[in-house]
PDB file of all heavy atoms in Angstrom:
ATOM      1  N   LEU A   1       9.651  -6.903   0.240  1.00  0.00           N
ATOM      2  CA  LEU A   1       8.395  -6.729   1.013  1.00  0.00           C
ATOM      3  C   LEU A   1       8.052  -5.234   0.991  1.00  0.00           C
ATOM      4  O   LEU A   1       8.838  -4.421   1.508  1.00  0.00           O
ATOM      5  CB  LEU A   1       8.575  -7.191   2.446  1.00  0.00           C
ATOM      6  CG  LEU A   1       7.362  -7.022   3.384  1.00  0.00           C
ATOM      7  CD1 LEU A   1       6.194  -7.850   2.943  1.00  0.00           C
ATOM      8  CD2 LEU A   1       7.763  -7.364   4.840  1.00  0.00           C
ATOM      9  N   VAL A   2       6.910  -4.891   0.417  1.00  0.00           N
ATOM     10  CA  VAL A   2       6.471  -3.499   0.364  1.00  0.00           C
ATOM     11  C   VAL A   2       5.435  -3.308   1.481  1.00  0.00           C
ATOM     12  O   VAL A   2       4.400  -4.018   1.549  1.00  0.00           O
ATOM     13  CB  VAL A   2       5.804  -3.157  -1.011  1.00  0.00           C
ATOM     14  CG1 VAL A   2       5.352  -1.678  -1.035  1.00  0.00           C
ATOM     15  CG2 VAL A   2       6.774  -3.443  -2.172  1.00  0.00           C
ATOM     16  N   VAL A   3       5.733  -2.348   2.385  1.00  0.00           N
ATOM     17  CA  VAL A   3       4.819  -2.104   3.499  1.00  0.00           C
ATOM     18  C   VAL A   3       4.311  -0.644   3.438  1.00  0.00           C
ATOM     19  O   VAL A   3       5.082   0.303   3.286  1.00  0.00           O
ATOM     20  CB  VAL A   3       5.545  -2.338   4.851  1.00  0.00           C
ATOM     21  CG1 VAL A   3       5.920  -3.811   5.017  1.00  0.00           C
ATOM     22  CG2 VAL A   3       6.766  -1.496   5.015  1.00  0.00           C
ATOM     23  N   PHE A   4       2.983  -0.524   3.571  1.00  0.00           N
ATOM     24  CA  PHE A   4       2.346   0.769   3.419  1.00  0.00           C
ATOM     25  C   PHE A   4       0.987   0.757   4.100  1.00  0.00           C
ATOM     26  O   PHE A   4       0.519  -0.302   4.541  1.00  0.00           O
ATOM     27  CB  PHE A   4       2.246   1.135   1.964  1.00  0.00           C
ATOM     28  CG  PHE A   4       1.352   0.263   1.122  1.00  0.00           C
ATOM     29  CD1 PHE A   4       0.128   0.691   0.672  1.00  0.00           C
ATOM     30  CD2 PHE A   4       1.738  -1.018   0.719  1.00  0.00           C
ATOM     31  CE1 PHE A   4      -0.692  -0.109  -0.087  1.00  0.00           C
ATOM     32  CE2 PHE A   4       0.973  -1.840  -0.020  1.00  0.00           C
ATOM     33  CZ  PHE A   4      -0.284  -1.377  -0.436  1.00  0.00           C
ATOM     34  N   GLU A   5       0.362   1.890   4.203  1.00  0.00           N
ATOM     35  CA  GLU A   5      -0.949   2.007   4.805  1.00  0.00           C
ATOM     36  C   GLU A   5      -2.014   2.305   3.752  1.00  0.00           C
ATOM     37  O   GLU A   5      -1.687   2.788   2.646  1.00  0.00           O
ATOM     38  CB  GLU A   5      -0.959   3.146   5.860  1.00  0.00           C
ATOM     39  CG  GLU A   5       0.050   2.941   6.977  1.00  0.00           C
ATOM     40  CD  GLU A   5       0.008   4.026   8.025  1.00  0.00           C
ATOM     41  OE1 GLU A   5      -1.122   4.476   8.397  1.00  0.00           O
ATOM     42  OE2 GLU A   5       1.048   4.448   8.507  1.00  0.00           O
ATOM     43  N   SER A   6      -3.268   2.045   4.046  1.00  0.00           N
ATOM     44  CA  SER A   6      -4.353   2.419   3.156  1.00  0.00           C
ATOM     45  C   SER A   6      -4.760   3.860   3.406  1.00  0.00           C
ATOM     46  O   SER A   6      -4.683   4.698   2.504  1.00  0.00           O
ATOM     47  CB  SER A   6      -5.553   1.477   3.286  1.00  0.00           C
ATOM     48  OG  SER A   6      -6.075   1.509   4.623  1.00  0.00           O
ATOM     49  N   VAL A   7      -5.122   4.188   4.636  1.00  0.00           N
ATOM     50  CA  VAL A   7      -5.469   5.549   5.039  1.00  0.00           C
ATOM     51  C   VAL A   7      -4.401   6.060   6.017  1.00  0.00           C
ATOM     52  O   VAL A   7      -4.153   5.400   7.005  1.00  0.00           O
ATOM     53  CB  VAL A   7      -6.851   5.597   5.737  1.00  0.00           C
ATOM     54  CG1 VAL A   7      -7.098   7.006   6.277  1.00  0.00           C
ATOM     55  CG2 VAL A   7      -7.960   5.217   4.738  1.00  0.00           C
ATOM     56  N   TYR A   8      -3.775   7.146   5.649  1.00  0.00           N
ATOM     57  CA  TYR A   8      -2.751   7.756   6.505  1.00  0.00           C
ATOM     58  C   TYR A   8      -3.463   8.730   7.450  1.00  0.00           C
ATOM     59  O   TYR A   8      -4.117   9.662   7.023  1.00  0.00           O
ATOM     60  CB  TYR A   8      -1.684   8.448   5.678  1.00  0.00           C
ATOM     61  CG  TYR A   8      -0.813   7.433   4.973  1.00  0.00           C
ATOM     62  CD1 TYR A   8      -1.174   6.871   3.771  1.00  0.00           C
ATOM     63  CD2 TYR A   8       0.360   6.975   5.567  1.00  0.00           C
ATOM     64  CE1 TYR A   8      -0.370   5.921   3.137  1.00  0.00           C
ATOM     65  CE2 TYR A   8       1.174   6.006   4.943  1.00  0.00           C
ATOM     66  CZ  TYR A   8       0.783   5.486   3.760  1.00  0.00           C
ATOM     67  OH  TYR A   8       1.545   4.516   3.128  1.00  0.00           O
ATOM     68  N   SER A   9      -3.307   8.510   8.757  1.00  0.00           N
ATOM     69  CA  SER A   9      -4.218   9.071   9.768  1.00  0.00           C
ATOM     70  C   SER A   9      -4.016  10.526  10.015  1.00  0.00           C
ATOM     71  O   SER A   9      -4.919  11.190  10.506  1.00  0.00           O
ATOM     72  CB  SER A   9      -4.102   8.330  11.085  1.00  0.00           C
ATOM     73  OG  SER A   9      -2.781   8.447  11.598  1.00  0.00           O
ATOM     74  N   MET A  10      -2.854  11.129   9.688  1.00  0.00           N
ATOM     75  CA  MET A  10      -2.632  12.520  10.006  1.00  0.00           C
ATOM     76  C   MET A  10      -3.137  13.402   8.849  1.00  0.00           C
ATOM     77  O   MET A  10      -3.694  14.498   9.156  1.00  0.00           O
ATOM     78  CB  MET A  10      -1.156  12.759  10.246  1.00  0.00           C
ATOM     79  CG  MET A  10      -0.680  12.148  11.560  1.00  0.00           C
ATOM     80  SD  MET A  10      -1.539  12.793  13.008  1.00  0.00           S
ATOM     81  CE  MET A  10      -2.366  11.380  13.611  1.00  0.00           C
ATOM     82  N   ASP A  11      -2.992  13.034   7.627  1.00  0.00           N
ATOM     83  CA  ASP A  11      -3.471  13.852   6.477  1.00  0.00           C
ATOM     84  C   ASP A  11      -4.781  13.292   5.877  1.00  0.00           C
ATOM     85  O   ASP A  11      -5.438  14.007   5.146  1.00  0.00           O
ATOM     86  CB  ASP A  11      -2.403  13.886   5.354  1.00  0.00           C
ATOM     87  CG  ASP A  11      -1.168  14.675   5.763  1.00  0.00           C
ATOM     88  OD1 ASP A  11      -1.271  15.499   6.715  1.00  0.00           O
ATOM     89  OD2 ASP A  11      -0.088  14.394   5.162  1.00  0.00           O
ATOM     90  N   GLY A  12      -5.119  12.088   6.240  1.00  0.00           N
ATOM     91  CA  GLY A  12      -6.391  11.524   5.726  1.00  0.00           C
ATOM     92  C   GLY A  12      -6.335  11.135   4.267  1.00  0.00           C
ATOM     93  O   GLY A  12      -7.405  11.020   3.645  1.00  0.00           O
ATOM     94  N   ASP A  13      -5.126  10.925   3.709  1.00  0.00           N
ATOM     95  CA  ASP A  13      -5.034  10.583   2.302  1.00  0.00           C
ATOM     96  C   ASP A  13      -4.970   9.063   2.154  1.00  0.00           C
ATOM     97  O   ASP A  13      -4.728   8.312   3.098  1.00  0.00           O
ATOM     98  CB  ASP A  13      -3.815  11.233   1.631  1.00  0.00           C
ATOM     99  CG  ASP A  13      -2.526  10.927   2.346  1.00  0.00           C
ATOM    100  OD1 ASP A  13      -2.512  10.666   3.579  1.00  0.00           O
ATOM    101  OD2 ASP A  13      -1.483  10.978   1.661  1.00  0.00           O
ATOM    102  N   ILE A  14      -5.188   8.591   0.917  1.00  0.00           N
ATOM    103  CA  ILE A  14      -5.256   7.203   0.628  1.00  0.00           C
ATOM    104  C   ILE A  14      -4.150   6.752  -0.304  1.00  0.00           C
ATOM    105  O   ILE A  14      -3.845   7.460  -1.278  1.00  0.00           O
ATOM    106  CB  ILE A  14      -6.629   6.820   0.005  1.00  0.00           C
ATOM    107  CG1 ILE A  14      -7.776   7.154   1.007  1.00  0.00           C
ATOM    108  CG2 ILE A  14      -6.740   5.334  -0.440  1.00  0.00           C
ATOM    109  CD1 ILE A  14      -9.154   6.936   0.458  1.00  0.00           C
ATOM    110  N   ALA A  15      -3.586   5.555  -0.076  1.00  0.00           N
ATOM    111  CA  ALA A  15      -2.512   5.058  -0.877  1.00  0.00           C
ATOM    112  C   ALA A  15      -3.042   4.592  -2.242  1.00  0.00           C
ATOM    113  O   ALA A  15      -4.212   4.131  -2.345  1.00  0.00           O
ATOM    114  CB  ALA A  15      -1.795   3.910  -0.181  1.00  0.00           C
ATOM    115  N   PRO A  16      -2.229   4.699  -3.314  1.00  0.00           N
ATOM    116  CA  PRO A  16      -2.640   4.103  -4.628  1.00  0.00           C
ATOM    117  C   PRO A  16      -2.486   2.602  -4.596  1.00  0.00           C
ATOM    118  O   PRO A  16      -1.519   2.037  -5.165  1.00  0.00           O
ATOM    119  CB  PRO A  16      -1.686   4.811  -5.599  1.00  0.00           C
ATOM    120  CG  PRO A  16      -0.458   5.088  -4.771  1.00  0.00           C
ATOM    121  CD  PRO A  16      -0.969   5.348  -3.373  1.00  0.00           C
ATOM    122  N   ILE A  17      -3.362   1.932  -3.938  1.00  0.00           N
ATOM    123  CA  ILE A  17      -3.204   0.498  -3.606  1.00  0.00           C
ATOM    124  C   ILE A  17      -3.060  -0.350  -4.887  1.00  0.00           C
ATOM    125  O   ILE A  17      -2.203  -1.229  -4.944  1.00  0.00           O
ATOM    126  CB  ILE A  17      -4.356   0.015  -2.721  1.00  0.00           C
ATOM    127  CG1 ILE A  17      -4.452   0.814  -1.479  1.00  0.00           C
ATOM    128  CG2 ILE A  17      -4.259  -1.479  -2.454  1.00  0.00           C
ATOM    129  CD1 ILE A  17      -5.673   0.520  -0.586  1.00  0.00           C
ATOM    130  N   GLU A  18      -3.961  -0.146  -5.843  1.00  0.00           N
ATOM    131  CA  GLU A  18      -3.918  -0.970  -7.045  1.00  0.00           C
ATOM    132  C   GLU A  18      -2.601  -0.832  -7.755  1.00  0.00           C
ATOM    133  O   GLU A  18      -2.034  -1.804  -8.236  1.00  0.00           O
ATOM    134  CB  GLU A  18      -5.101  -0.629  -7.940  1.00  0.00           C
ATOM    135  CG  GLU A  18      -5.170  -1.516  -9.201  1.00  0.00           C
ATOM    136  CD  GLU A  18      -6.431  -1.300 -10.025  1.00  0.00           C
ATOM    137  OE1 GLU A  18      -7.040  -0.202  -9.863  1.00  0.00           O
ATOM    138  OE2 GLU A  18      -6.803  -2.154 -10.786  1.00  0.00           O
ATOM    139  N   ALA A  19      -2.125   0.423  -7.887  1.00  0.00           N
ATOM    140  CA  ALA A  19      -0.858   0.676  -8.577  1.00  0.00           C
ATOM    141  C   ALA A  19       0.309   0.037  -7.831  1.00  0.00           C
ATOM    142  O   ALA A  19       1.277  -0.486  -8.451  1.00  0.00           O
ATOM    143  CB  ALA A  19      -0.656   2.178  -8.777  1.00  0.00           C
ATOM    144  N   ILE A  20       0.280   0.083  -6.504  1.00  0.00           N
ATOM    145  CA  ILE A  20       1.345  -0.549  -5.719  1.00  0.00           C
ATOM    146  C   ILE A  20       1.324  -2.047  -5.905  1.00  0.00           C
ATOM    147  O   ILE A  20       2.368  -2.707  -6.046  1.00  0.00           O
ATOM    148  CB  ILE A  20       1.211  -0.156  -4.220  1.00  0.00           C
ATOM    149  CG1 ILE A  20       1.564   1.316  -4.033  1.00  0.00           C
ATOM    150  CG2 ILE A  20       2.111  -1.059  -3.347  1.00  0.00           C
ATOM    151  CD1 ILE A  20       1.372   1.834  -2.618  1.00  0.00           C
ATOM    152  N   ALA A  21       0.124  -2.628  -5.923  1.00  0.00           N
ATOM    153  CA  ALA A  21      -0.030  -4.063  -6.181  1.00  0.00           C
ATOM    154  C   ALA A  21       0.507  -4.424  -7.572  1.00  0.00           C
ATOM    155  O   ALA A  21       1.146  -5.495  -7.749  1.00  0.00           O
ATOM    156  CB  ALA A  21      -1.456  -4.486  -6.036  1.00  0.00           C
ATOM    157  N   ASP A  22       0.255  -3.599  -8.563  1.00  0.00           N
ATOM    158  CA  ASP A  22       0.792  -3.797  -9.916  1.00  0.00           C
ATOM    159  C   ASP A  22       2.282  -3.845  -9.883  1.00  0.00           C
ATOM    160  O   ASP A  22       2.914  -4.773 -10.507  1.00  0.00           O
ATOM    161  CB  ASP A  22       0.311  -2.747 -10.860  1.00  0.00           C
ATOM    162  CG  ASP A  22      -1.181  -2.818 -11.196  1.00  0.00           C
ATOM    163  OD1 ASP A  22      -1.773  -3.895 -10.992  1.00  0.00           O
ATOM    164  OD2 ASP A  22      -1.760  -1.797 -11.671  1.00  0.00           O
ATOM    165  N   LEU A  23       2.909  -2.893  -9.200  1.00  0.00           N
ATOM    166  CA  LEU A  23       4.375  -2.850  -9.125  1.00  0.00           C
ATOM    167  C   LEU A  23       4.943  -4.059  -8.394  1.00  0.00           C
ATOM    168  O   LEU A  23       5.914  -4.613  -8.779  1.00  0.00           O
ATOM    169  CB  LEU A  23       4.814  -1.580  -8.450  1.00  0.00           C
ATOM    170  CG  LEU A  23       4.671  -0.270  -9.262  1.00  0.00           C
ATOM    171  CD1 LEU A  23       5.088   0.938  -8.379  1.00  0.00           C
ATOM    172  CD2 LEU A  23       5.523  -0.312 -10.507  1.00  0.00           C
ATOM    173  N   ALA A  24       4.256  -4.434  -7.295  1.00  0.00           N
ATOM    174  CA  ALA A  24       4.727  -5.599  -6.562  1.00  0.00           C
ATOM    175  C   ALA A  24       4.687  -6.868  -7.402  1.00  0.00           C
ATOM    176  O   ALA A  24       5.637  -7.668  -7.365  1.00  0.00           O
ATOM    177  CB  ALA A  24       3.838  -5.772  -5.317  1.00  0.00           C
ATOM    178  N   GLU A  25       3.633  -7.025  -8.186  1.00  0.00           N
ATOM    179  CA  GLU A  25       3.543  -8.217  -9.079  1.00  0.00           C
ATOM    180  C   GLU A  25       4.597  -8.155 -10.180  1.00  0.00           C
ATOM    181  O   GLU A  25       5.231  -9.151 -10.526  1.00  0.00           O
ATOM    182  CB  GLU A  25       2.155  -8.310  -9.656  1.00  0.00           C
ATOM    183  CG  GLU A  25       1.078  -8.660  -8.645  1.00  0.00           C
ATOM    184  CD  GLU A  25      -0.333  -8.690  -9.239  1.00  0.00           C
ATOM    185  OE1 GLU A  25      -0.415  -8.551 -10.488  1.00  0.00           O
ATOM    186  OE2 GLU A  25      -1.290  -8.842  -8.473  1.00  0.00           O
ATOM    187  N   LYS A  26       4.852  -6.963 -10.714  1.00  0.00           N
ATOM    188  CA  LYS A  26       5.809  -6.793 -11.799  1.00  0.00           C
ATOM    189  C   LYS A  26       7.209  -7.163 -11.311  1.00  0.00           C
ATOM    190  O   LYS A  26       8.003  -7.751 -12.091  1.00  0.00           O
ATOM    191  CB  LYS A  26       5.782  -5.343 -12.260  1.00  0.00           C
ATOM    192  CG  LYS A  26       6.756  -5.014 -13.405  1.00  0.00           C
ATOM    193  CD  LYS A  26       6.610  -3.567 -13.869  1.00  0.00           C
ATOM    194  CE  LYS A  26       7.565  -3.250 -14.985  1.00  0.00           C
ATOM    195  NZ  LYS A  26       7.419  -1.814 -15.403  1.00  0.00           N
ATOM    196  N   TYR A  27       7.565  -6.804 -10.088  1.00  0.00           N
ATOM    197  CA  TYR A  27       8.930  -6.987  -9.597  1.00  0.00           C
ATOM    198  C   TYR A  27       9.029  -8.120  -8.540  1.00  0.00           C
ATOM    199  O   TYR A  27      10.056  -8.245  -7.887  1.00  0.00           O
ATOM    200  CB  TYR A  27       9.479  -5.649  -9.031  1.00  0.00           C
ATOM    201  CG  TYR A  27       9.668  -4.615 -10.060  1.00  0.00           C
ATOM    202  CD1 TYR A  27       8.716  -3.630 -10.308  1.00  0.00           C
ATOM    203  CD2 TYR A  27      10.794  -4.614 -10.880  1.00  0.00           C
ATOM    204  CE1 TYR A  27       8.868  -2.662 -11.283  1.00  0.00           C
ATOM    205  CE2 TYR A  27      10.982  -3.646 -11.884  1.00  0.00           C
ATOM    206  CZ  TYR A  27      10.032  -2.698 -12.053  1.00  0.00           C
ATOM    207  OH  TYR A  27      10.159  -1.719 -13.059  1.00  0.00           O
ATOM    208  N   GLY A  28       8.014  -8.915  -8.415  1.00  0.00           N
ATOM    209  CA  GLY A  28       8.063 -10.044  -7.532  1.00  0.00           C
ATOM    210  C   GLY A  28       8.194  -9.750  -6.059  1.00  0.00           C
ATOM    211  O   GLY A  28       8.951 -10.405  -5.331  1.00  0.00           O
ATOM    212  N   ALA A  29       7.404  -8.788  -5.555  1.00  0.00           N
ATOM    213  CA  ALA A  29       7.467  -8.416  -4.150  1.00  0.00           C
ATOM    214  C   ALA A  29       6.162  -8.830  -3.413  1.00  0.00           C
ATOM    215  O   ALA A  29       5.100  -8.918  -4.008  1.00  0.00           O
ATOM    216  CB  ALA A  29       7.626  -6.856  -4.013  1.00  0.00           C
ATOM    217  N   MET A  30       6.313  -9.122  -2.155  1.00  0.00           N
ATOM    218  CA  MET A  30       5.138  -9.323  -1.280  1.00  0.00           C
ATOM    219  C   MET A  30       4.637  -7.944  -0.863  1.00  0.00           C
ATOM    220  O   MET A  30       5.351  -6.958  -0.801  1.00  0.00           O
ATOM    221  CB  MET A  30       5.525 -10.076   0.009  1.00  0.00           C
ATOM    222  CG  MET A  30       5.620 -11.555  -0.159  1.00  0.00           C
ATOM    223  SD  MET A  30       5.829 -12.378   1.494  1.00  0.00           S
ATOM    224  CE  MET A  30       4.209 -12.099   2.236  1.00  0.00           C
ATOM    225  N   THR A  31       3.346  -7.865  -0.506  1.00  0.00           N
ATOM    226  CA  THR A  31       2.703  -6.642  -0.068  1.00  0.00           C
ATOM    227  C   THR A  31       2.075  -6.792   1.345  1.00  0.00           C
ATOM    228  O   THR A  31       1.501  -7.821   1.661  1.00  0.00           O
ATOM    229  CB  THR A  31       1.601  -6.149  -1.024  1.00  0.00           C
ATOM    230  OG1 THR A  31       0.755  -7.263  -1.321  1.00  0.00           O
ATOM    231  CG2 THR A  31       2.243  -5.617  -2.287  1.00  0.00           C
ATOM    232  N   TYR A  32       2.294  -5.758   2.150  1.00  0.00           N
ATOM    233  CA  TYR A  32       1.746  -5.716   3.514  1.00  0.00           C
ATOM    234  C   TYR A  32       1.066  -4.384   3.707  1.00  0.00           C
ATOM    235  O   TYR A  32       1.757  -3.331   3.594  1.00  0.00           O
ATOM    236  CB  TYR A  32       2.874  -5.932   4.516  1.00  0.00           C
ATOM    237  CG  TYR A  32       2.489  -5.934   5.957  1.00  0.00           C
ATOM    238  CD1 TYR A  32       2.499  -7.092   6.710  1.00  0.00           C
ATOM    239  CD2 TYR A  32       2.109  -4.740   6.652  1.00  0.00           C
ATOM    240  CE1 TYR A  32       2.186  -7.133   8.074  1.00  0.00           C
ATOM    241  CE2 TYR A  32       1.784  -4.736   7.995  1.00  0.00           C
ATOM    242  CZ  TYR A  32       1.816  -5.957   8.681  1.00  0.00           C
ATOM    243  OH  TYR A  32       1.496  -5.962  10.036  1.00  0.00           O
ATOM    244  N   ILE A  33      -0.226  -4.345   3.952  1.00  0.00           N
ATOM    245  CA  ILE A  33      -0.971  -3.071   4.102  1.00  0.00           C
ATOM    246  C   ILE A  33      -1.539  -2.968   5.477  1.00  0.00           C
ATOM    247  O   ILE A  33      -2.082  -3.916   6.063  1.00  0.00           O
ATOM    248  CB  ILE A  33      -2.078  -2.930   3.005  1.00  0.00           C
ATOM    249  CG1 ILE A  33      -2.614  -1.498   2.978  1.00  0.00           C
ATOM    250  CG2 ILE A  33      -3.212  -3.929   3.268  1.00  0.00           C
ATOM    251  CD1 ILE A  33      -3.491  -1.236   1.794  1.00  0.00           C
ATOM    252  N   ASP A  34      -1.440  -1.781   6.048  1.00  0.00           N
ATOM    253  CA  ASP A  34      -2.033  -1.384   7.319  1.00  0.00           C
ATOM    254  C   ASP A  34      -3.367  -0.738   7.026  1.00  0.00           C
ATOM    255  O   ASP A  34      -3.396   0.376   6.487  1.00  0.00           O
ATOM    256  CB  ASP A  34      -1.077  -0.500   8.092  1.00  0.00           C
ATOM    257  CG  ASP A  34      -1.595   0.026   9.409  1.00  0.00           C
ATOM    258  OD1 ASP A  34      -2.778   0.333   9.475  1.00  0.00           O
ATOM    259  OD2 ASP A  34      -0.834   0.149  10.359  1.00  0.00           O
ATOM    260  N   GLU A  35      -4.474  -1.343   7.471  1.00  0.00           N
ATOM    261  CA  GLU A  35      -5.825  -0.781   7.262  1.00  0.00           C
ATOM    262  C   GLU A  35      -6.477  -0.337   8.539  1.00  0.00           C
ATOM    263  O   GLU A  35      -7.683  -0.226   8.602  1.00  0.00           O
ATOM    264  CB  GLU A  35      -6.691  -1.871   6.610  1.00  0.00           C
ATOM    265  CG  GLU A  35      -6.443  -2.134   5.133  1.00  0.00           C
ATOM    266  CD  GLU A  35      -7.440  -1.529   4.200  1.00  0.00           C
ATOM    267  OE1 GLU A  35      -7.879  -0.345   4.453  1.00  0.00           O
ATOM    268  OE2 GLU A  35      -7.858  -2.238   3.257  1.00  0.00           O
ATOM    269  N   VAL A  36      -5.694   0.018   9.553  1.00  0.00           N
ATOM    270  CA  VAL A  36      -6.251   0.310  10.872  1.00  0.00           C
ATOM    271  C   VAL A  36      -7.244   1.435  10.871  1.00  0.00           C
ATOM    272  O   VAL A  36      -8.207   1.461  11.610  1.00  0.00           O
ATOM    273  CB  VAL A  36      -5.166   0.539  11.921  1.00  0.00           C
ATOM    274  CG1 VAL A  36      -4.307  -0.676  12.134  1.00  0.00           C
ATOM    275  CG2 VAL A  36      -4.335   1.723  11.621  1.00  0.00           C
ATOM    276  N   HIS A  37      -6.999   2.476  10.017  1.00  0.00           N
ATOM    277  CA  HIS A  37      -7.902   3.636   9.967  1.00  0.00           C
ATOM    278  C   HIS A  37      -9.010   3.500   8.883  1.00  0.00           C
ATOM    279  O   HIS A  37      -9.642   4.465   8.553  1.00  0.00           O
ATOM    280  CB  HIS A  37      -7.110   4.920   9.751  1.00  0.00           C
ATOM    281  CG  HIS A  37      -6.246   5.297  10.907  1.00  0.00           C
ATOM    282  ND1 HIS A  37      -6.772   5.912  12.022  1.00  0.00           N
ATOM    283  CD2 HIS A  37      -4.962   5.068  11.156  1.00  0.00           C
ATOM    284  CE1 HIS A  37      -5.786   6.083  12.908  1.00  0.00           C
ATOM    285  NE2 HIS A  37      -4.702   5.602  12.378  1.00  0.00           N
TER     286      HIS A  37
END
């Protein structure tokens, strides 16, 4: 299970969502993203 955020609230940067999804599919992982910000 890969857990990460889309927007990190302290620095205001954005996760490489598509690339993380690619890796999750490649290695058979579930993905969980926090989009609160």
